Amino acid sequence: MRAACLRHIASVLSAALLTLPCAAQSRVGISVGVTRLAFGHAWGGAFTAVAAEARVSRPLSQRVRGDLIGLVITPGGAAAAIADCVVGAPCVDRQTPSLFWGVLPSISAGLGSGGWRVSGGVGGLGTSGMKGPESQSSLAGSIGMHWERPRSGLTPTIGVRALGLASRIAGIRYIVIPAVGLNF
C-alpha cells in the first residue's frame, strides 16, 4: 500500500514539474556513488552499497529549481538471521533489504556564480527483499550540495546527499551518498 502511495505521489509531482512554463530550460542528470549502509546490530552490521540517482530539474526562478529525484541503492552484501524458535516465545526472522528505492522532490538554489547548489526536500524511501519487524518504507528528508558546470549541454557534477529517515529501515536512520555524475 505504501509503495502504491509513493508511486502515485511521484507521478503527480513529475506531472507538475513537466507542465512548468520553462520546459526548454529543464535539465536531466544522472549520478552514481558509493556509500556505507550501517544496518543495526540485530541486522548483521554494515555493507558497502552502490547508489544511482536520476534527476529532472526545472527552473522556478533565476536561481531556484524544482527537482524530482529518483534514487536506487543496492547493498553489496546481505545478512539474514533465522531464529531458533523456543516453544511459546516469539520467533522473528530478519533479512537485510536487497534494494532501497525512493522518490525525493526537492528545491535547489544556486550559491553565487561558481556552480554550487544546495537542495532540500521530503520524499519517500522503500525497500525490496527485507524481512523483519521494522518498517519497509519511510518518509525521508533530503539535503544535498553539488557542483555543476554552469553551462548547458553535457556537463559533469560532483556532490553529496544526506537522507534522514522518519522510521528506521533495518536499523538505518541516516544515509550519506557522495556521488559523481553528468547533466544533459
N, C-alpha and C. Protein backbone atom coordinates (compact mmCIF):
# COMPACT_ATOMS: atom_id res chain seq x y z
N MET A 1 0.83 -1.19 0.00
CA MET A 1 0.00 0.00 0.00
C MET A 1 0.87 1.26 0.00
N ARG A 2 1.93 1.27 0.85
CA ARG A 2 2.80 2.44 0.90
C ARG A 2 3.51 2.64 -0.42
N ALA A 3 3.94 1.54 -1.06
CA ALA A 3 4.64 1.65 -2.35
C ALA A 3 3.71 2.26 -3.39
N ALA A 4 2.45 1.87 -3.40
CA ALA A 4 1.49 2.44 -4.34
C ALA A 4 1.30 3.93 -4.08
N CYS A 5 1.26 4.32 -2.81
CA CYS A 5 1.13 5.75 -2.46
C CYS A 5 2.35 6.53 -2.94
N LEU A 6 3.56 5.99 -2.73
CA LEU A 6 4.78 6.67 -3.16
C LEU A 6 4.80 6.82 -4.68
N ARG A 7 4.38 5.76 -5.42
CA ARG A 7 4.35 5.86 -6.88
C ARG A 7 3.35 6.92 -7.33
N HIS A 8 2.20 6.99 -6.66
CA HIS A 8 1.19 8.00 -7.01
C HIS A 8 1.73 9.41 -6.76
N ILE A 9 2.36 9.62 -5.63
CA ILE A 9 2.94 10.94 -5.31
C ILE A 9 3.99 11.30 -6.35
N ALA A 10 4.84 10.35 -6.74
CA ALA A 10 5.87 10.62 -7.74
C ALA A 10 5.26 10.99 -9.08
N SER A 11 4.19 10.31 -9.50
CA SER A 11 3.58 10.63 -10.79
C SER A 11 2.93 12.01 -10.77
N VAL A 12 2.30 12.38 -9.65
CA VAL A 12 1.69 13.70 -9.55
C VAL A 12 2.75 14.79 -9.58
N LEU A 13 3.85 14.60 -8.83
CA LEU A 13 4.92 15.60 -8.80
C LEU A 13 5.63 15.71 -10.14
N SER A 14 5.86 14.60 -10.81
CA SER A 14 6.53 14.66 -12.11
C SER A 14 5.64 15.35 -13.13
N ALA A 15 4.33 15.09 -13.08
CA ALA A 15 3.40 15.78 -13.99
C ALA A 15 3.41 17.28 -13.72
N ALA A 16 3.49 17.67 -12.45
CA ALA A 16 3.53 19.09 -12.11
C ALA A 16 4.81 19.74 -12.63
N LEU A 17 5.96 19.07 -12.48
CA LEU A 17 7.22 19.62 -12.99
C LEU A 17 7.22 19.72 -14.51
N LEU A 18 6.63 18.72 -15.19
CA LEU A 18 6.63 18.71 -16.65
C LEU A 18 5.73 19.78 -17.25
N THR A 19 4.80 20.32 -16.47
CA THR A 19 3.90 21.34 -17.01
C THR A 19 4.36 22.76 -16.71
N LEU A 20 5.49 22.92 -16.06
CA LEU A 20 6.01 24.27 -15.79
C LEU A 20 6.31 24.97 -17.12
N PRO A 21 6.16 26.30 -17.19
CA PRO A 21 6.30 27.01 -18.45
C PRO A 21 7.71 27.05 -19.02
N CYS A 22 8.73 26.68 -18.27
CA CYS A 22 10.11 26.81 -18.75
C CYS A 22 10.68 25.46 -19.18
N ALA A 23 9.91 24.70 -19.96
CA ALA A 23 10.31 23.35 -20.37
C ALA A 23 11.62 23.33 -21.13
N ALA A 24 11.90 24.36 -21.93
CA ALA A 24 13.13 24.38 -22.73
C ALA A 24 14.37 24.48 -21.85
N GLN A 25 14.24 24.94 -20.62
CA GLN A 25 15.39 25.11 -19.73
C GLN A 25 15.55 23.97 -18.74
N SER A 26 14.81 22.89 -18.90
CA SER A 26 14.91 21.78 -17.96
C SER A 26 16.24 21.05 -18.16
N ARG A 27 16.69 20.40 -17.09
CA ARG A 27 17.93 19.62 -17.12
C ARG A 27 17.63 18.23 -16.62
N VAL A 28 18.32 17.27 -17.16
CA VAL A 28 18.26 15.89 -16.69
C VAL A 28 19.66 15.51 -16.28
N GLY A 29 19.78 14.85 -15.15
CA GLY A 29 21.09 14.44 -14.67
C GLY A 29 21.07 13.04 -14.10
N ILE A 30 22.19 12.38 -14.15
CA ILE A 30 22.36 11.08 -13.52
C ILE A 30 23.64 11.14 -12.69
N SER A 31 23.67 10.44 -11.59
CA SER A 31 24.88 10.34 -10.80
C SER A 31 24.95 8.99 -10.12
N VAL A 32 26.15 8.57 -9.82
CA VAL A 32 26.39 7.31 -9.12
C VAL A 32 27.37 7.58 -7.98
N GLY A 33 27.24 6.78 -6.94
CA GLY A 33 28.13 6.93 -5.80
C GLY A 33 28.21 5.64 -5.01
N VAL A 34 29.12 5.64 -4.08
CA VAL A 34 29.31 4.50 -3.19
C VAL A 34 29.13 5.00 -1.77
N THR A 35 28.40 4.24 -0.97
CA THR A 35 28.16 4.61 0.42
C THR A 35 28.27 3.39 1.30
N ARG A 36 28.15 3.59 2.57
CA ARG A 36 28.19 2.50 3.55
C ARG A 36 26.85 2.49 4.28
N LEU A 37 26.15 1.37 4.23
CA LEU A 37 24.87 1.21 4.94
C LEU A 37 25.14 0.51 6.25
N ALA A 38 24.92 1.20 7.35
CA ALA A 38 25.17 0.64 8.68
C ALA A 38 23.87 0.07 9.23
N PHE A 39 23.58 -1.18 8.87
CA PHE A 39 22.41 -1.85 9.40
C PHE A 39 22.59 -2.03 10.90
N GLY A 40 21.51 -2.04 11.64
CA GLY A 40 21.59 -2.20 13.08
C GLY A 40 22.24 -3.50 13.49
N HIS A 41 22.68 -3.58 14.74
CA HIS A 41 23.37 -4.76 15.25
C HIS A 41 22.55 -6.04 15.05
N ALA A 42 21.27 -5.97 15.27
CA ALA A 42 20.42 -7.14 15.09
C ALA A 42 20.26 -7.53 13.63
N TRP A 43 20.70 -6.67 12.72
CA TRP A 43 20.53 -6.92 11.29
C TRP A 43 21.80 -7.38 10.61
N GLY A 44 22.92 -7.44 11.28
CA GLY A 44 24.11 -8.03 10.68
C GLY A 44 25.24 -7.09 10.31
N GLY A 45 25.24 -5.85 10.78
CA GLY A 45 26.38 -4.99 10.56
C GLY A 45 26.24 -4.05 9.39
N ALA A 46 27.37 -3.76 8.72
CA ALA A 46 27.41 -2.75 7.67
C ALA A 46 27.89 -3.35 6.35
N PHE A 47 27.40 -2.77 5.25
CA PHE A 47 27.81 -3.20 3.91
C PHE A 47 28.03 -1.97 3.05
N THR A 48 28.98 -2.08 2.12
CA THR A 48 29.16 -1.05 1.11
C THR A 48 28.01 -1.18 0.12
N ALA A 49 27.55 -0.04 -0.40
CA ALA A 49 26.42 -0.05 -1.34
C ALA A 49 26.70 0.90 -2.50
N VAL A 50 26.09 0.61 -3.64
CA VAL A 50 26.16 1.46 -4.81
C VAL A 50 24.83 2.20 -4.93
N ALA A 51 24.89 3.51 -5.15
CA ALA A 51 23.69 4.33 -5.28
C ALA A 51 23.67 4.97 -6.66
N ALA A 52 22.47 5.04 -7.25
CA ALA A 52 22.27 5.72 -8.53
C ALA A 52 21.10 6.69 -8.38
N GLU A 53 21.26 7.86 -8.96
CA GLU A 53 20.24 8.90 -8.86
C GLU A 53 19.96 9.46 -10.26
N ALA A 54 18.68 9.60 -10.58
CA ALA A 54 18.26 10.28 -11.81
C ALA A 54 17.48 11.51 -11.37
N ARG A 55 17.74 12.65 -12.02
CA ARG A 55 17.15 13.91 -11.58
C ARG A 55 16.61 14.68 -12.78
N VAL A 56 15.39 15.17 -12.66
CA VAL A 56 14.82 16.11 -13.62
C VAL A 56 14.70 17.43 -12.88
N SER A 57 15.23 18.49 -13.47
CA SER A 57 15.29 19.78 -12.80
C SER A 57 14.68 20.85 -13.70
N ARG A 58 13.77 21.63 -13.12
CA ARG A 58 13.12 22.73 -13.85
C ARG A 58 13.34 24.03 -13.11
N PRO A 59 13.67 25.11 -13.84
CA PRO A 59 13.82 26.40 -13.18
C PRO A 59 12.49 26.93 -12.66
N LEU A 60 12.50 27.45 -11.44
CA LEU A 60 11.34 28.11 -10.87
C LEU A 60 11.55 29.62 -10.85
N SER A 61 12.81 30.03 -10.80
CA SER A 61 13.20 31.44 -10.88
C SER A 61 14.64 31.47 -11.39
N GLN A 62 15.27 32.63 -11.34
CA GLN A 62 16.64 32.77 -11.84
C GLN A 62 17.61 31.82 -11.14
N ARG A 63 17.50 31.64 -9.82
CA ARG A 63 18.44 30.83 -9.05
C ARG A 63 17.83 29.55 -8.47
N VAL A 64 16.52 29.45 -8.46
CA VAL A 64 15.85 28.33 -7.78
C VAL A 64 15.27 27.36 -8.79
N ARG A 65 15.44 26.06 -8.50
CA ARG A 65 14.93 24.99 -9.36
C ARG A 65 14.07 24.03 -8.54
N GLY A 66 13.11 23.42 -9.21
CA GLY A 66 12.37 22.30 -8.65
C GLY A 66 12.96 21.03 -9.20
N ASP A 67 13.30 20.10 -8.34
CA ASP A 67 13.93 18.85 -8.75
C ASP A 67 13.05 17.67 -8.38
N LEU A 68 13.00 16.68 -9.24
CA LEU A 68 12.38 15.40 -8.93
C LEU A 68 13.47 14.35 -9.07
N ILE A 69 13.77 13.68 -7.96
CA ILE A 69 14.90 12.77 -7.90
C ILE A 69 14.41 11.35 -7.68
N GLY A 70 14.85 10.44 -8.52
CA GLY A 70 14.63 9.01 -8.32
C GLY A 70 15.93 8.40 -7.83
N LEU A 71 15.87 7.59 -6.79
CA LEU A 71 17.07 7.07 -6.13
C LEU A 71 16.96 5.57 -5.97
N VAL A 72 18.05 4.85 -6.27
CA VAL A 72 18.14 3.41 -6.07
C VAL A 72 19.46 3.12 -5.36
N ILE A 73 19.41 2.32 -4.30
CA ILE A 73 20.62 1.95 -3.55
C ILE A 73 20.64 0.43 -3.43
N THR A 74 21.75 -0.18 -3.86
CA THR A 74 21.89 -1.63 -3.81
C THR A 74 23.04 -2.00 -2.89
N PRO A 75 22.75 -2.65 -1.75
CA PRO A 75 23.83 -3.10 -0.87
C PRO A 75 24.70 -4.15 -1.56
N GLY A 76 26.00 -4.12 -1.28
CA GLY A 76 26.92 -5.08 -1.85
C GLY A 76 27.00 -6.38 -1.07
N GLY A 77 26.14 -6.56 -0.09
CA GLY A 77 26.10 -7.79 0.70
C GLY A 77 24.76 -7.90 1.38
N ALA A 78 24.56 -8.99 2.05
CA ALA A 78 23.29 -9.20 2.74
C ALA A 78 23.54 -10.03 3.99
N ALA A 79 22.61 -9.91 4.92
CA ALA A 79 22.69 -10.71 6.14
C ALA A 79 21.29 -11.20 6.46
N ALA A 80 21.21 -12.39 6.99
CA ALA A 80 19.93 -12.96 7.40
C ALA A 80 20.11 -13.63 8.75
N ALA A 81 19.08 -13.55 9.56
CA ALA A 81 19.08 -14.23 10.86
C ALA A 81 17.77 -15.02 10.95
N ILE A 82 17.90 -16.31 11.02
CA ILE A 82 16.72 -17.16 11.16
C ILE A 82 16.75 -17.69 12.59
N ALA A 83 15.77 -17.25 13.33
CA ALA A 83 15.75 -17.55 14.76
C ALA A 83 15.44 -19.01 15.04
N ASP A 84 16.11 -19.57 16.06
CA ASP A 84 15.72 -20.86 16.61
C ASP A 84 14.55 -20.58 17.54
N CYS A 85 13.41 -21.06 17.19
CA CYS A 85 12.21 -20.73 17.95
C CYS A 85 12.05 -21.65 19.14
N VAL A 86 11.87 -21.04 20.28
CA VAL A 86 11.57 -21.77 21.51
C VAL A 86 10.06 -21.81 21.64
N VAL A 87 9.53 -22.95 22.00
CA VAL A 87 8.08 -23.10 22.12
C VAL A 87 7.53 -22.05 23.09
N GLY A 88 6.52 -21.31 22.62
CA GLY A 88 5.88 -20.30 23.45
C GLY A 88 6.51 -18.91 23.38
N ALA A 89 7.67 -18.78 22.72
CA ALA A 89 8.34 -17.48 22.61
C ALA A 89 8.16 -16.94 21.20
N PRO A 90 8.15 -15.61 21.04
CA PRO A 90 8.03 -15.06 19.69
C PRO A 90 9.26 -15.39 18.84
N CYS A 91 9.02 -15.61 17.57
CA CYS A 91 10.09 -16.00 16.66
C CYS A 91 10.14 -14.98 15.53
N VAL A 92 11.29 -14.30 15.33
CA VAL A 92 11.39 -13.25 14.32
C VAL A 92 12.58 -13.55 13.40
N ASP A 93 12.31 -13.72 12.11
CA ASP A 93 13.37 -13.84 11.10
C ASP A 93 13.70 -12.45 10.60
N ARG A 94 14.96 -12.22 10.26
CA ARG A 94 15.38 -10.92 9.73
C ARG A 94 16.23 -11.15 8.48
N GLN A 95 16.06 -10.25 7.52
CA GLN A 95 16.90 -10.25 6.33
C GLN A 95 17.05 -8.81 5.87
N THR A 96 18.30 -8.41 5.59
CA THR A 96 18.54 -7.03 5.14
C THR A 96 17.93 -6.83 3.75
N PRO A 97 17.57 -5.60 3.42
CA PRO A 97 16.99 -5.32 2.11
C PRO A 97 17.99 -5.58 0.98
N SER A 98 17.48 -6.03 -0.15
CA SER A 98 18.34 -6.21 -1.33
C SER A 98 18.34 -4.96 -2.20
N LEU A 99 17.38 -4.05 -1.94
CA LEU A 99 17.27 -2.84 -2.74
C LEU A 99 16.52 -1.77 -1.96
N PHE A 100 17.04 -0.56 -1.99
CA PHE A 100 16.33 0.62 -1.49
C PHE A 100 15.94 1.43 -2.73
N TRP A 101 14.77 2.03 -2.75
CA TRP A 101 14.35 2.88 -3.85
C TRP A 101 13.54 4.03 -3.28
N GLY A 102 13.59 5.16 -3.94
CA GLY A 102 12.86 6.30 -3.42
C GLY A 102 12.62 7.39 -4.44
N VAL A 103 11.70 8.28 -4.09
CA VAL A 103 11.39 9.46 -4.87
C VAL A 103 11.53 10.65 -3.93
N LEU A 104 12.34 11.63 -4.34
CA LEU A 104 12.65 12.76 -3.48
C LEU A 104 12.44 14.09 -4.22
N PRO A 105 11.25 14.67 -4.15
CA PRO A 105 11.08 16.01 -4.71
C PRO A 105 11.83 17.01 -3.84
N SER A 106 12.47 17.99 -4.47
CA SER A 106 13.22 18.96 -3.68
C SER A 106 13.30 20.29 -4.41
N ILE A 107 13.77 21.27 -3.70
CA ILE A 107 14.04 22.61 -4.23
C ILE A 107 15.53 22.83 -4.11
N SER A 108 16.17 23.33 -5.17
CA SER A 108 17.60 23.63 -5.10
C SER A 108 17.83 25.10 -5.44
N ALA A 109 18.85 25.66 -4.85
CA ALA A 109 19.17 27.07 -5.06
C ALA A 109 20.67 27.21 -5.33
N GLY A 110 21.01 28.12 -6.27
CA GLY A 110 22.40 28.38 -6.59
C GLY A 110 23.07 29.24 -5.54
N LEU A 111 24.35 28.98 -5.31
CA LEU A 111 25.17 29.77 -4.39
C LEU A 111 26.21 30.52 -5.20
N GLY A 112 25.96 31.76 -5.49
CA GLY A 112 26.91 32.56 -6.27
C GLY A 112 26.97 32.10 -7.72
N SER A 113 28.09 32.41 -8.37
CA SER A 113 28.23 32.09 -9.79
C SER A 113 29.20 30.95 -10.06
N GLY A 114 29.64 30.27 -9.01
CA GLY A 114 30.63 29.21 -9.17
C GLY A 114 30.08 27.84 -9.50
N GLY A 115 28.76 27.69 -9.59
CA GLY A 115 28.19 26.40 -9.93
C GLY A 115 27.74 25.56 -8.75
N TRP A 116 27.93 26.03 -7.51
CA TRP A 116 27.49 25.28 -6.33
C TRP A 116 25.99 25.47 -6.10
N ARG A 117 25.30 24.38 -5.75
CA ARG A 117 23.86 24.40 -5.47
C ARG A 117 23.59 23.62 -4.19
N VAL A 118 22.65 24.12 -3.39
CA VAL A 118 22.18 23.39 -2.21
C VAL A 118 20.73 22.99 -2.48
N SER A 119 20.33 21.86 -1.90
CA SER A 119 18.96 21.40 -2.12
C SER A 119 18.40 20.79 -0.84
N GLY A 120 17.09 20.77 -0.77
CA GLY A 120 16.41 20.16 0.35
C GLY A 120 15.01 19.76 -0.07
N GLY A 121 14.52 18.67 0.51
CA GLY A 121 13.18 18.22 0.18
C GLY A 121 12.75 17.07 1.05
N VAL A 122 11.53 16.61 0.80
CA VAL A 122 10.96 15.49 1.54
C VAL A 122 10.33 14.53 0.53
N GLY A 123 10.58 13.25 0.71
CA GLY A 123 10.02 12.24 -0.18
C GLY A 123 9.84 10.93 0.56
N GLY A 124 10.01 9.84 -0.12
CA GLY A 124 9.83 8.53 0.49
C GLY A 124 10.91 7.57 0.05
N LEU A 125 11.22 6.60 0.91
CA LEU A 125 12.19 5.56 0.63
C LEU A 125 11.56 4.23 0.98
N GLY A 126 11.65 3.26 0.09
CA GLY A 126 11.10 1.93 0.32
C GLY A 126 12.17 0.88 0.08
N THR A 127 11.84 -0.38 0.36
CA THR A 127 12.79 -1.47 0.20
C THR A 127 12.16 -2.64 -0.53
N SER A 128 13.01 -3.51 -1.02
CA SER A 128 12.62 -4.80 -1.57
C SER A 128 13.50 -5.86 -0.94
N GLY A 129 12.93 -7.03 -0.70
CA GLY A 129 13.70 -8.16 -0.20
C GLY A 129 13.96 -8.19 1.29
N MET A 130 13.32 -7.34 2.06
CA MET A 130 13.57 -7.25 3.50
C MET A 130 12.57 -8.10 4.28
N LYS A 131 13.06 -8.73 5.36
CA LYS A 131 12.20 -9.42 6.31
C LYS A 131 12.51 -8.88 7.69
N GLY A 132 11.51 -8.74 8.52
CA GLY A 132 11.73 -8.30 9.89
C GLY A 132 10.59 -7.45 10.38
N PRO A 133 10.66 -7.10 11.67
CA PRO A 133 9.55 -6.38 12.29
C PRO A 133 9.52 -4.88 11.99
N GLU A 134 10.60 -4.31 11.46
CA GLU A 134 10.64 -2.87 11.22
C GLU A 134 9.92 -2.50 9.94
N SER A 135 9.66 -1.22 9.81
CA SER A 135 9.00 -0.67 8.63
C SER A 135 9.85 -0.94 7.39
N GLN A 136 9.18 -1.19 6.26
CA GLN A 136 9.88 -1.41 5.00
C GLN A 136 9.84 -0.18 4.11
N SER A 137 9.25 0.91 4.60
CA SER A 137 9.28 2.19 3.89
C SER A 137 9.21 3.31 4.91
N SER A 138 9.64 4.50 4.50
CA SER A 138 9.66 5.62 5.42
C SER A 138 9.65 6.93 4.65
N LEU A 139 9.11 7.96 5.28
CA LEU A 139 9.32 9.31 4.78
C LEU A 139 10.80 9.61 4.93
N ALA A 140 11.34 10.40 4.00
CA ALA A 140 12.76 10.72 4.05
C ALA A 140 12.96 12.20 3.77
N GLY A 141 13.73 12.85 4.62
CA GLY A 141 14.17 14.21 4.37
C GLY A 141 15.50 14.16 3.66
N SER A 142 15.73 15.07 2.75
CA SER A 142 16.95 15.06 1.94
C SER A 142 17.57 16.45 1.93
N ILE A 143 18.87 16.52 2.19
CA ILE A 143 19.62 17.75 1.98
C ILE A 143 20.83 17.38 1.12
N GLY A 144 21.26 18.30 0.29
CA GLY A 144 22.38 17.98 -0.58
C GLY A 144 23.12 19.23 -1.01
N MET A 145 24.30 19.00 -1.52
CA MET A 145 25.11 20.07 -2.10
C MET A 145 25.85 19.46 -3.27
N HIS A 146 25.80 20.13 -4.41
CA HIS A 146 26.55 19.63 -5.55
C HIS A 146 27.07 20.79 -6.39
N TRP A 147 28.08 20.46 -7.17
CA TRP A 147 28.66 21.41 -8.09
C TRP A 147 28.39 20.93 -9.50
N GLU A 148 27.99 21.86 -10.34
CA GLU A 148 27.81 21.56 -11.75
C GLU A 148 28.40 22.70 -12.56
N ARG A 149 28.90 22.38 -13.72
CA ARG A 149 29.41 23.45 -14.59
C ARG A 149 28.24 24.31 -15.01
N PRO A 150 28.30 25.60 -14.80
CA PRO A 150 27.17 26.47 -15.13
C PRO A 150 27.04 26.76 -16.62
N ARG A 151 26.77 25.71 -17.41
CA ARG A 151 26.52 25.88 -18.84
C ARG A 151 25.60 24.77 -19.30
N SER A 152 25.05 24.91 -20.46
CA SER A 152 24.15 23.88 -20.96
C SER A 152 24.94 22.79 -21.67
N GLY A 153 24.26 21.70 -22.02
CA GLY A 153 24.90 20.58 -22.68
C GLY A 153 25.38 19.56 -21.66
N LEU A 154 26.21 18.66 -22.10
CA LEU A 154 26.74 17.60 -21.25
C LEU A 154 27.79 18.17 -20.30
N THR A 155 27.49 18.16 -18.99
CA THR A 155 28.40 18.75 -18.02
C THR A 155 28.57 17.83 -16.81
N PRO A 156 29.76 17.78 -16.24
CA PRO A 156 29.99 16.93 -15.06
C PRO A 156 29.43 17.55 -13.79
N THR A 157 29.13 16.70 -12.81
CA THR A 157 28.69 17.15 -11.48
C THR A 157 29.40 16.32 -10.42
N ILE A 158 29.57 16.91 -9.25
CA ILE A 158 30.01 16.18 -8.07
C ILE A 158 29.15 16.67 -6.92
N GLY A 159 28.92 15.83 -5.93
CA GLY A 159 28.10 16.28 -4.81
C GLY A 159 27.93 15.24 -3.74
N VAL A 160 27.10 15.60 -2.77
CA VAL A 160 26.79 14.71 -1.66
C VAL A 160 25.33 14.94 -1.28
N ARG A 161 24.64 13.86 -0.94
CA ARG A 161 23.24 13.93 -0.49
C ARG A 161 23.14 13.17 0.83
N ALA A 162 22.44 13.75 1.79
CA ALA A 162 22.20 13.10 3.08
C ALA A 162 20.69 12.87 3.23
N LEU A 163 20.33 11.66 3.61
CA LEU A 163 18.93 11.30 3.84
C LEU A 163 18.73 11.01 5.31
N GLY A 164 17.66 11.53 5.87
CA GLY A 164 17.24 11.20 7.23
C GLY A 164 15.88 10.55 7.16
N LEU A 165 15.75 9.35 7.72
CA LEU A 165 14.51 8.59 7.64
C LEU A 165 13.65 8.84 8.88
N ALA A 166 12.34 8.99 8.68
CA ALA A 166 11.41 9.19 9.79
C ALA A 166 11.29 7.93 10.64
N SER A 167 11.33 6.75 10.03
CA SER A 167 11.34 5.49 10.78
C SER A 167 12.48 4.63 10.27
N ARG A 168 13.10 3.93 11.18
CA ARG A 168 14.24 3.09 10.83
C ARG A 168 13.83 1.99 9.85
N ILE A 169 14.74 1.74 8.91
CA ILE A 169 14.58 0.61 7.99
C ILE A 169 15.80 -0.27 8.21
N ALA A 170 15.59 -1.47 8.74
CA ALA A 170 16.67 -2.42 9.04
C ALA A 170 17.75 -1.78 9.91
N GLY A 171 17.34 -0.94 10.84
CA GLY A 171 18.26 -0.29 11.75
C GLY A 171 18.87 0.99 11.21
N ILE A 172 18.58 1.36 9.97
CA ILE A 172 19.18 2.55 9.36
C ILE A 172 18.28 3.76 9.59
N ARG A 173 18.87 4.85 10.05
CA ARG A 173 18.15 6.11 10.22
C ARG A 173 18.71 7.18 9.26
N TYR A 174 20.01 7.12 8.94
CA TYR A 174 20.64 8.13 8.08
C TYR A 174 21.46 7.45 6.99
N ILE A 175 21.48 8.06 5.80
CA ILE A 175 22.30 7.58 4.68
C ILE A 175 22.97 8.81 4.06
N VAL A 176 24.28 8.74 3.85
CA VAL A 176 25.03 9.82 3.20
C VAL A 176 25.64 9.24 1.92
N ILE A 177 25.39 9.93 0.79
CA ILE A 177 25.81 9.41 -0.51
C ILE A 177 26.65 10.46 -1.26
N PRO A 178 27.98 10.29 -1.30
CA PRO A 178 28.79 11.14 -2.19
C PRO A 178 28.66 10.57 -3.61
N ALA A 179 28.63 11.45 -4.63
CA ALA A 179 28.39 10.95 -5.99
C ALA A 179 29.05 11.84 -7.04
N VAL A 180 29.27 11.26 -8.21
CA VAL A 180 29.69 11.98 -9.41
C VAL A 180 28.67 11.68 -10.50
N GLY A 181 28.53 12.62 -11.45
CA GLY A 181 27.54 12.38 -12.49
C GLY A 181 27.66 13.32 -13.66
N LEU A 182 26.60 13.31 -14.47
CA LEU A 182 26.53 14.14 -15.67
C LEU A 182 25.15 14.77 -15.76
N ASN A 183 25.10 16.01 -16.21
CA ASN A 183 23.84 16.67 -16.58
C ASN A 183 23.76 16.71 -18.09
N PHE A 184 22.55 16.61 -18.60
CA PHE A 184 22.31 16.64 -20.05
C PHE A 184 21.58 17.90 -20.42
